[in-house]
Amino acid sequence: LGRRPLGILVGTGTAAGQAEAVLRTRGVRPVRTT
């Protein structure tokens, strides 16, 4: 892309919370839906 990606994150609970933290740390803009 040559830019910061936009990520759609699907999920709830601990796994989704960890995934969101990983995405933010790696430079992704996460948008989460439960």
All heavy atoms as atom14 arrays in JSON, in Angstrom:
{
  "sequence": "LGRRPLGILVGTGTAAGQAEAVLRTRGVRPVRTT",
  "atom14_mask": [
    [1, 1, 1, 1, 1, 1, 1, 1, 0, 0, 0, 0, 0, 0],
    [1, 1, 1, 1, 0, 0, 0, 0, 0, 0, 0, 0, 0, 0],
    [1, 1, 1, 1, 1, 1, 1, 1, 1, 1, 1, 0, 0, 0],
    [1, 1, 1, 1, 1, 1, 1, 1, 1, 1, 1, 0, 0, 0],
    [1, 1, 1, 1, 1, 1, 1, 0, 0, 0, 0, 0, 0, 0],
    [1, 1, 1, 1, 1, 1, 1, 1, 0, 0, 0, 0, 0, 0],
    [1, 1, 1, 1, 0, 0, 0, 0, 0, 0, 0, 0, 0, 0],
    [1, 1, 1, 1, 1, 1, 1, 1, 0, 0, 0, 0, 0, 0],
    [1, 1, 1, 1, 1, 1, 1, 1, 0, 0, 0, 0, 0, 0],
    [1, 1, 1, 1, 1, 1, 1, 0, 0, 0, 0, 0, 0, 0],
    [1, 1, 1, 1, 0, 0, 0, 0, 0, 0, 0, 0, 0, 0],
    [1, 1, 1, 1, 1, 1, 1, 0, 0, 0, 0, 0, 0, 0],
    [1, 1, 1, 1, 0, 0, 0, 0, 0, 0, 0, 0, 0, 0],
    [1, 1, 1, 1, 1, 1, 1, 0, 0, 0, 0, 0, 0, 0],
    [1, 1, 1, 1, 1, 0, 0, 0, 0, 0, 0, 0, 0, 0],
    [1, 1, 1, 1, 1, 0, 0, 0, 0, 0, 0, 0, 0, 0],
    [1, 1, 1, 1, 0, 0, 0, 0, 0, 0, 0, 0, 0, 0],
    [1, 1, 1, 1, 1, 1, 1, 1, 1, 0, 0, 0, 0, 0],
    [1, 1, 1, 1, 1, 0, 0, 0, 0, 0, 0, 0, 0, 0],
    [1, 1, 1, 1, 1, 1, 1, 1, 1, 0, 0, 0, 0, 0],
    [1, 1, 1, 1, 1, 0, 0, 0, 0, 0, 0, 0, 0, 0],
    [1, 1, 1, 1, 1, 1, 1, 0, 0, 0, 0, 0, 0, 0],
    [1, 1, 1, 1, 1, 1, 1, 1, 0, 0, 0, 0, 0, 0],
    [1, 1, 1, 1, 1, 1, 1, 1, 1, 1, 1, 0, 0, 0],
    [1, 1, 1, 1, 1, 1, 1, 0, 0, 0, 0, 0, 0, 0],
    [1, 1, 1, 1, 1, 1, 1, 1, 1, 1, 1, 0, 0, 0],
    [1, 1, 1, 1, 0, 0, 0, 0, 0, 0, 0, 0, 0, 0],
    [1, 1, 1, 1, 1, 1, 1, 0, 0, 0, 0, 0, 0, 0],
    [1, 1, 1, 1, 1, 1, 1, 1, 1, 1, 1, 0, 0, 0],
    [1, 1, 1, 1, 1, 1, 1, 0, 0, 0, 0, 0, 0, 0],
    [1, 1, 1, 1, 1, 1, 1, 0, 0, 0, 0, 0, 0, 0],
    [1, 1, 1, 1, 1, 1, 1, 1, 1, 1, 1, 0, 0, 0],
    [1, 1, 1, 1, 1, 1, 1, 0, 0, 0, 0, 0, 0, 0],
    [1, 1, 1, 1, 1, 1, 1, 0, 0, 0, 0, 0, 0, 0]
  ],
  "atom14_positions": [
    [[0.81, -1.22, 0.0], [0.0, 0.0, 0.0], [0.84, 1.28, 0.0], [0.4, 2.31, -0.51], [-0.92, 0.02, 1.23], [-1.98, -1.09, 1.32], [-2.61, -1.11, 2.7], [-3.05, -0.89, 0.24], [0.0, 0.0, 0.0], [0.0, 0.0, 0.0], [0.0, 0.0, 0.0], [0.0, 0.0, 0.0], [0.0, 0.0, 0.0], [0.0, 0.0, 0.0]],
    [[2.0, 1.2, 0.61], [2.82, 2.4, 0.75], [2.28, 3.36, 1.78], [2.63, 4.55, 1.77], [0.0, 0.0, 0.0], [0.0, 0.0, 0.0], [0.0, 0.0, 0.0], [0.0, 0.0, 0.0], [0.0, 0.0, 0.0], [0.0, 0.0, 0.0], [0.0, 0.0, 0.0], [0.0, 0.0, 0.0], [0.0, 0.0, 0.0], [0.0, 0.0, 0.0]],
    [[1.46, 2.87, 2.67], [0.86, 3.71, 3.71], [0.43, 2.83, 4.88], [0.53, 1.6, 4.81], [-0.35, 4.47, 3.16], [-1.44, 3.57, 2.62], [-2.7, 4.33, 2.27], [-3.67, 3.51, 1.56], [-4.48, 2.63, 2.13], [-4.45, 2.45, 3.45], [-5.33, 1.93, 1.41], [0.0, 0.0, 0.0], [0.0, 0.0, 0.0], [0.0, 0.0, 0.0]],
    [[-0.09, 3.47, 5.91], [-0.6, 2.76, 7.08], [-1.92, 2.06, 6.72], [-2.85, 2.7, 6.24], [-0.83, 3.76, 8.2], [-1.24, 3.16, 9.53], [-1.49, 4.27, 10.55], [-1.87, 3.74, 11.84], [-2.32, 4.48, 12.85], [-2.44, 5.8, 12.68], [-2.64, 3.93, 14.01], [0.0, 0.0, 0.0], [0.0, 0.0, 0.0], [0.0, 0.0, 0.0]],
    [[-2.03, 0.75, 6.93], [-3.25, 0.04, 6.55], [-4.42, 0.32, 7.5], [-4.23, 0.64, 8.67], [-2.86, -1.43, 6.63], [-1.38, -1.45, 6.78], [-1.0, -0.16, 7.43], [0.0, 0.0, 0.0], [0.0, 0.0, 0.0], [0.0, 0.0, 0.0], [0.0, 0.0, 0.0], [0.0, 0.0, 0.0], [0.0, 0.0, 0.0], [0.0, 0.0, 0.0]],
    [[-5.61, 0.16, 6.96], [-6.84, 0.18, 7.76], [-7.27, -1.27, 7.96], [-7.46, -2.02, 7.0], [-7.94, 0.96, 7.04], [-9.32, 0.94, 7.72], [-9.27, 1.62, 9.07], [-10.36, 1.6, 6.81], [0.0, 0.0, 0.0], [0.0, 0.0, 0.0], [0.0, 0.0, 0.0], [0.0, 0.0, 0.0], [0.0, 0.0, 0.0], [0.0, 0.0, 0.0]],
    [[-7.39, -1.69, 9.22], [-7.74, -3.07, 9.51], [-9.12, -3.19, 10.13], [-9.48, -2.43, 11.02], [0.0, 0.0, 0.0], [0.0, 0.0, 0.0], [0.0, 0.0, 0.0], [0.0, 0.0, 0.0], [0.0, 0.0, 0.0], [0.0, 0.0, 0.0], [0.0, 0.0, 0.0], [0.0, 0.0, 0.0], [0.0, 0.0, 0.0], [0.0, 0.0, 0.0]],
    [[-9.9, -4.14, 9.62], [-11.21, -4.46, 10.2], [-11.01, -5.64, 11.14], [-10.57, -6.72, 10.72], [-12.23, -4.83, 9.11], [-12.31, -3.75, 8.04], [-13.6, -5.08, 9.74], [-12.72, -2.41, 8.54], [0.0, 0.0, 0.0], [0.0, 0.0, 0.0], [0.0, 0.0, 0.0], [0.0, 0.0, 0.0], [0.0, 0.0, 0.0], [0.0, 0.0, 0.0]],
    [[-11.31, -5.43, 12.42], [-11.11, -6.47, 13.43], [-12.47, -6.97, 13.9], [-13.31, -6.2, 14.37], [-10.33, -5.91, 14.62], [-10.14, -6.82, 15.83], [-9.41, -8.09, 15.46], [-9.41, -6.07, 16.95], [0.0, 0.0, 0.0], [0.0, 0.0, 0.0], [0.0, 0.0, 0.0], [0.0, 0.0, 0.0], [0.0, 0.0, 0.0], [0.0, 0.0, 0.0]],
    [[-12.69, -8.28, 13.76], [-13.95, -8.9, 14.15], [-13.73, -9.75, 15.39], [-12.88, -10.66, 15.38], [-14.5, -9.79, 13.02], [-15.81, -10.44, 13.45], [-14.69, -8.98, 11.74], [0.0, 0.0, 0.0], [0.0, 0.0, 0.0], [0.0, 0.0, 0.0], [0.0, 0.0, 0.0], [0.0, 0.0, 0.0], [0.0, 0.0, 0.0], [0.0, 0.0, 0.0]],
    [[-14.45, -9.48, 16.47], [-14.34, -10.33, 17.65], [-14.57, -9.59, 18.94], [-14.61, -8.37, 19.0], [0.0, 0.0, 0.0], [0.0, 0.0, 0.0], [0.0, 0.0, 0.0], [0.0, 0.0, 0.0], [0.0, 0.0, 0.0], [0.0, 0.0, 0.0], [0.0, 0.0, 0.0], [0.0, 0.0, 0.0], [0.0, 0.0, 0.0], [0.0, 0.0, 0.0]],
    [[-14.74, -10.38, 19.99], [-14.92, -9.85, 21.34], [-13.99, -10.6, 22.28], [-13.39, -11.61, 21.92], [-16.37, -10.02, 21.83], [-16.69, -11.43, 21.83], [-17.35, -9.31, 20.92], [0.0, 0.0, 0.0], [0.0, 0.0, 0.0], [0.0, 0.0, 0.0], [0.0, 0.0, 0.0], [0.0, 0.0, 0.0], [0.0, 0.0, 0.0], [0.0, 0.0, 0.0]],
    [[-13.88, -10.13, 23.49], [-13.13, -10.85, 24.5], [-11.63, -10.61, 24.46], [-11.13, -9.7, 23.78], [0.0, 0.0, 0.0], [0.0, 0.0, 0.0], [0.0, 0.0, 0.0], [0.0, 0.0, 0.0], [0.0, 0.0, 0.0], [0.0, 0.0, 0.0], [0.0, 0.0, 0.0], [0.0, 0.0, 0.0], [0.0, 0.0, 0.0], [0.0, 0.0, 0.0]],
    [[-10.91, -11.45, 25.2], [-9.48, -11.28, 25.38], [-8.71, -11.35, 24.07], [-7.79, -10.56, 23.82], [-8.93, -12.34, 26.35], [-9.67, -12.28, 27.58], [-7.46, -12.11, 26.65], [0.0, 0.0, 0.0], [0.0, 0.0, 0.0], [0.0, 0.0, 0.0], [0.0, 0.0, 0.0], [0.0, 0.0, 0.0], [0.0, 0.0, 0.0], [0.0, 0.0, 0.0]],
    [[-9.06, -12.31, 23.21], [-8.33, -12.47, 21.95], [-8.44, -11.22, 21.09], [-7.45, -10.76, 20.51], [-8.86, -13.68, 21.19], [0.0, 0.0, 0.0], [0.0, 0.0, 0.0], [0.0, 0.0, 0.0], [0.0, 0.0, 0.0], [0.0, 0.0, 0.0], [0.0, 0.0, 0.0], [0.0, 0.0, 0.0], [0.0, 0.0, 0.0], [0.0, 0.0, 0.0]],
    [[-9.64, -10.64, 21.01], [-9.82, -9.43, 20.21], [-9.05, -8.25, 20.8], [-8.47, -7.44, 20.07], [-11.31, -9.1, 20.09], [0.0, 0.0, 0.0], [0.0, 0.0, 0.0], [0.0, 0.0, 0.0], [0.0, 0.0, 0.0], [0.0, 0.0, 0.0], [0.0, 0.0, 0.0], [0.0, 0.0, 0.0], [0.0, 0.0, 0.0], [0.0, 0.0, 0.0]],
    [[-9.04, -8.16, 22.13], [-8.29, -7.09, 22.77], [-6.8, -7.2, 22.5], [-6.13, -6.2, 22.21], [0.0, 0.0, 0.0], [0.0, 0.0, 0.0], [0.0, 0.0, 0.0], [0.0, 0.0, 0.0], [0.0, 0.0, 0.0], [0.0, 0.0, 0.0], [0.0, 0.0, 0.0], [0.0, 0.0, 0.0], [0.0, 0.0, 0.0], [0.0, 0.0, 0.0]],
    [[-6.27, -8.41, 22.56], [-4.85, -8.61, 22.25], [-4.57, -8.31, 20.79], [-3.54, -7.69, 20.46], [-4.44, -10.05, 22.59], [-4.39, -10.35, 24.07], [-3.89, -11.76, 24.35], [-3.65, -12.54, 23.43], [-3.75, -12.09, 25.62], [0.0, 0.0, 0.0], [0.0, 0.0, 0.0], [0.0, 0.0, 0.0], [0.0, 0.0, 0.0], [0.0, 0.0, 0.0]],
    [[-5.45, -8.75, 19.9], [-5.25, -8.52, 18.47], [-5.23, -7.02, 18.16], [-4.42, -6.55, 17.36], [-6.35, -9.22, 17.67], [0.0, 0.0, 0.0], [0.0, 0.0, 0.0], [0.0, 0.0, 0.0], [0.0, 0.0, 0.0], [0.0, 0.0, 0.0], [0.0, 0.0, 0.0], [0.0, 0.0, 0.0], [0.0, 0.0, 0.0], [0.0, 0.0, 0.0]],
    [[-6.12, -6.28, 18.8], [-6.16, -4.83, 18.58], [-4.85, -4.18, 19.02], [-4.31, -3.31, 18.32], [-7.34, -4.21, 19.33], [-7.48, -2.71, 19.09], [-8.74, -2.13, 19.68], [-9.58, -2.89, 20.2], [-8.9, -0.89, 19.61], [0.0, 0.0, 0.0], [0.0, 0.0, 0.0], [0.0, 0.0, 0.0], [0.0, 0.0, 0.0], [0.0, 0.0, 0.0]],
    [[-4.32, -4.62, 20.16], [-3.05, -4.06, 20.64], [-1.91, -4.38, 19.68], [-1.06, -3.54, 19.4], [-2.75, -4.61, 22.03], [0.0, 0.0, 0.0], [0.0, 0.0, 0.0], [0.0, 0.0, 0.0], [0.0, 0.0, 0.0], [0.0, 0.0, 0.0], [0.0, 0.0, 0.0], [0.0, 0.0, 0.0], [0.0, 0.0, 0.0], [0.0, 0.0, 0.0]],
    [[-1.9, -5.61, 19.16], [-0.86, -6.01, 18.21], [-0.95, -5.17, 16.94], [0.07, -4.68, 16.42], [-0.97, -7.51, 17.87], [-0.05, -7.87, 16.7], [-0.63, -8.36, 19.08], [0.0, 0.0, 0.0], [0.0, 0.0, 0.0], [0.0, 0.0, 0.0], [0.0, 0.0, 0.0], [0.0, 0.0, 0.0], [0.0, 0.0, 0.0], [0.0, 0.0, 0.0]],
    [[-2.15, -4.98, 16.42], [-2.34, -4.2, 15.2], [-1.88, -2.75, 15.39], [-1.2, -2.19, 14.52], [-3.81, -4.24, 14.77], [-4.31, -5.6, 14.25], [-5.82, -5.57, 14.06], [-3.62, -5.98, 12.94], [0.0, 0.0, 0.0], [0.0, 0.0, 0.0], [0.0, 0.0, 0.0], [0.0, 0.0, 0.0], [0.0, 0.0, 0.0], [0.0, 0.0, 0.0]],
    [[-2.24, -2.16, 16.5], [-1.83, -0.77, 16.75], [-0.31, -0.66, 16.86], [0.3, 0.27, 16.33], [-2.49, -0.24, 18.03], [-4.0, -0.02, 17.91], [-4.56, 0.67, 19.13], [-6.0, 0.78, 19.07], [-6.65, 1.72, 18.38], [-5.97, 2.63, 17.72], [-7.97, 1.75, 18.37], [0.0, 0.0, 0.0], [0.0, 0.0, 0.0], [0.0, 0.0, 0.0]],
    [[0.29, -1.63, 17.54], [1.75, -1.62, 17.69], [2.45, -1.75, 16.34], [3.5, -1.14, 16.11], [2.19, -2.77, 18.61], [1.57, -2.62, 19.88], [3.7, -2.78, 18.78], [0.0, 0.0, 0.0], [0.0, 0.0, 0.0], [0.0, 0.0, 0.0], [0.0, 0.0, 0.0], [0.0, 0.0, 0.0], [0.0, 0.0, 0.0], [0.0, 0.0, 0.0]],
    [[1.84, -2.52, 15.43], [2.45, -2.74, 14.11], [2.12, -1.64, 13.11], [2.52, -1.7, 11.95], [2.0, -4.08, 13.54], [2.36, -5.31, 14.37], [3.85, -5.45, 14.58], [4.23, -6.76, 15.06], [4.2, -7.15, 16.33], [3.79, -6.29, 17.26], [4.58, -8.36, 16.69], [0.0, 0.0, 0.0], [0.0, 0.0, 0.0], [0.0, 0.0, 0.0]],
    [[1.33, -0.63, 13.53], [1.06, 0.49, 12.64], [-0.25, 0.43, 11.88], [-0.46, 1.2, 10.94], [0.0, 0.0, 0.0], [0.0, 0.0, 0.0], [0.0, 0.0, 0.0], [0.0, 0.0, 0.0], [0.0, 0.0, 0.0], [0.0, 0.0, 0.0], [0.0, 0.0, 0.0], [0.0, 0.0, 0.0], [0.0, 0.0, 0.0], [0.0, 0.0, 0.0]],
    [[-1.15, -0.46, 12.29], [-2.46, -0.57, 11.63], [-3.47, 0.31, 12.35], [-3.44, 0.44, 13.58], [-2.94, -2.04, 11.63], [-4.35, -2.15, 11.06], [-1.97, -2.91, 10.85], [0.0, 0.0, 0.0], [0.0, 0.0, 0.0], [0.0, 0.0, 0.0], [0.0, 0.0, 0.0], [0.0, 0.0, 0.0], [0.0, 0.0, 0.0], [0.0, 0.0, 0.0]],
    [[-4.36, 0.91, 11.59], [-5.5, 1.63, 12.17], [-6.66, 0.63, 12.29], [-7.35, 0.36, 11.31], [-5.92, 2.79, 11.29], [-4.9, 3.92, 11.19], [-5.39, 4.99, 10.24], [-5.47, 4.49, 8.87], [-6.28, 4.98, 7.93], [-7.12, 5.96, 8.22], [-6.27, 4.48, 6.72], [0.0, 0.0, 0.0], [0.0, 0.0, 0.0], [0.0, 0.0, 0.0]],
    [[-6.89, 0.04, 13.47], [-7.94, -0.97, 13.59], [-9.33, -0.36, 13.81], [-9.49, 0.58, 14.6], [-7.5, -1.8, 14.79], [-6.73, -0.85, 15.63], [-6.12, 0.17, 14.71], [0.0, 0.0, 0.0], [0.0, 0.0, 0.0], [0.0, 0.0, 0.0], [0.0, 0.0, 0.0], [0.0, 0.0, 0.0], [0.0, 0.0, 0.0], [0.0, 0.0, 0.0]],
    [[-10.3, -0.9, 13.12], [-11.71, -0.57, 13.36], [-12.37, -1.87, 13.8], [-12.4, -2.84, 13.05], [-12.39, -0.03, 12.09], [-13.85, 0.27, 12.39], [-11.68, 1.22, 11.59], [0.0, 0.0, 0.0], [0.0, 0.0, 0.0], [0.0, 0.0, 0.0], [0.0, 0.0, 0.0], [0.0, 0.0, 0.0], [0.0, 0.0, 0.0], [0.0, 0.0, 0.0]],
    [[-12.88, -1.88, 15.01], [-13.35, -3.13, 15.61], [-14.86, -3.22, 15.59], [-15.56, -2.24, 15.87], [-12.83, -3.23, 17.04], [-13.16, -4.51, 17.77], [-12.35, -4.54, 19.06], [-12.81, -5.55, 19.97], [-12.3, -5.74, 21.19], [-11.32, -4.96, 21.61], [-12.77, -6.69, 21.99], [0.0, 0.0, 0.0], [0.0, 0.0, 0.0], [0.0, 0.0, 0.0]],
    [[-15.37, -4.41, 15.26], [-16.8, -4.66, 15.32], [-17.06, -5.9, 16.15], [-16.36, -6.91, 16.01], [-17.41, -4.85, 13.93], [-18.8, -5.21, 14.06], [-16.71, -5.95, 13.14], [0.0, 0.0, 0.0], [0.0, 0.0, 0.0], [0.0, 0.0, 0.0], [0.0, 0.0, 0.0], [0.0, 0.0, 0.0], [0.0, 0.0, 0.0], [0.0, 0.0, 0.0]],
    [[-18.05, -5.8, 17.04], [-18.44, -6.96, 17.83], [-19.61, -7.7, 17.19], [-19.97, -8.79, 17.64], [-18.84, -6.54, 19.26], [-19.89, -5.58, 19.2], [-17.65, -5.91, 19.98], [0.0, 0.0, 0.0], [0.0, 0.0, 0.0], [0.0, 0.0, 0.0], [0.0, 0.0, 0.0], [0.0, 0.0, 0.0], [0.0, 0.0, 0.0], [0.0, 0.0, 0.0]]
  ]
}
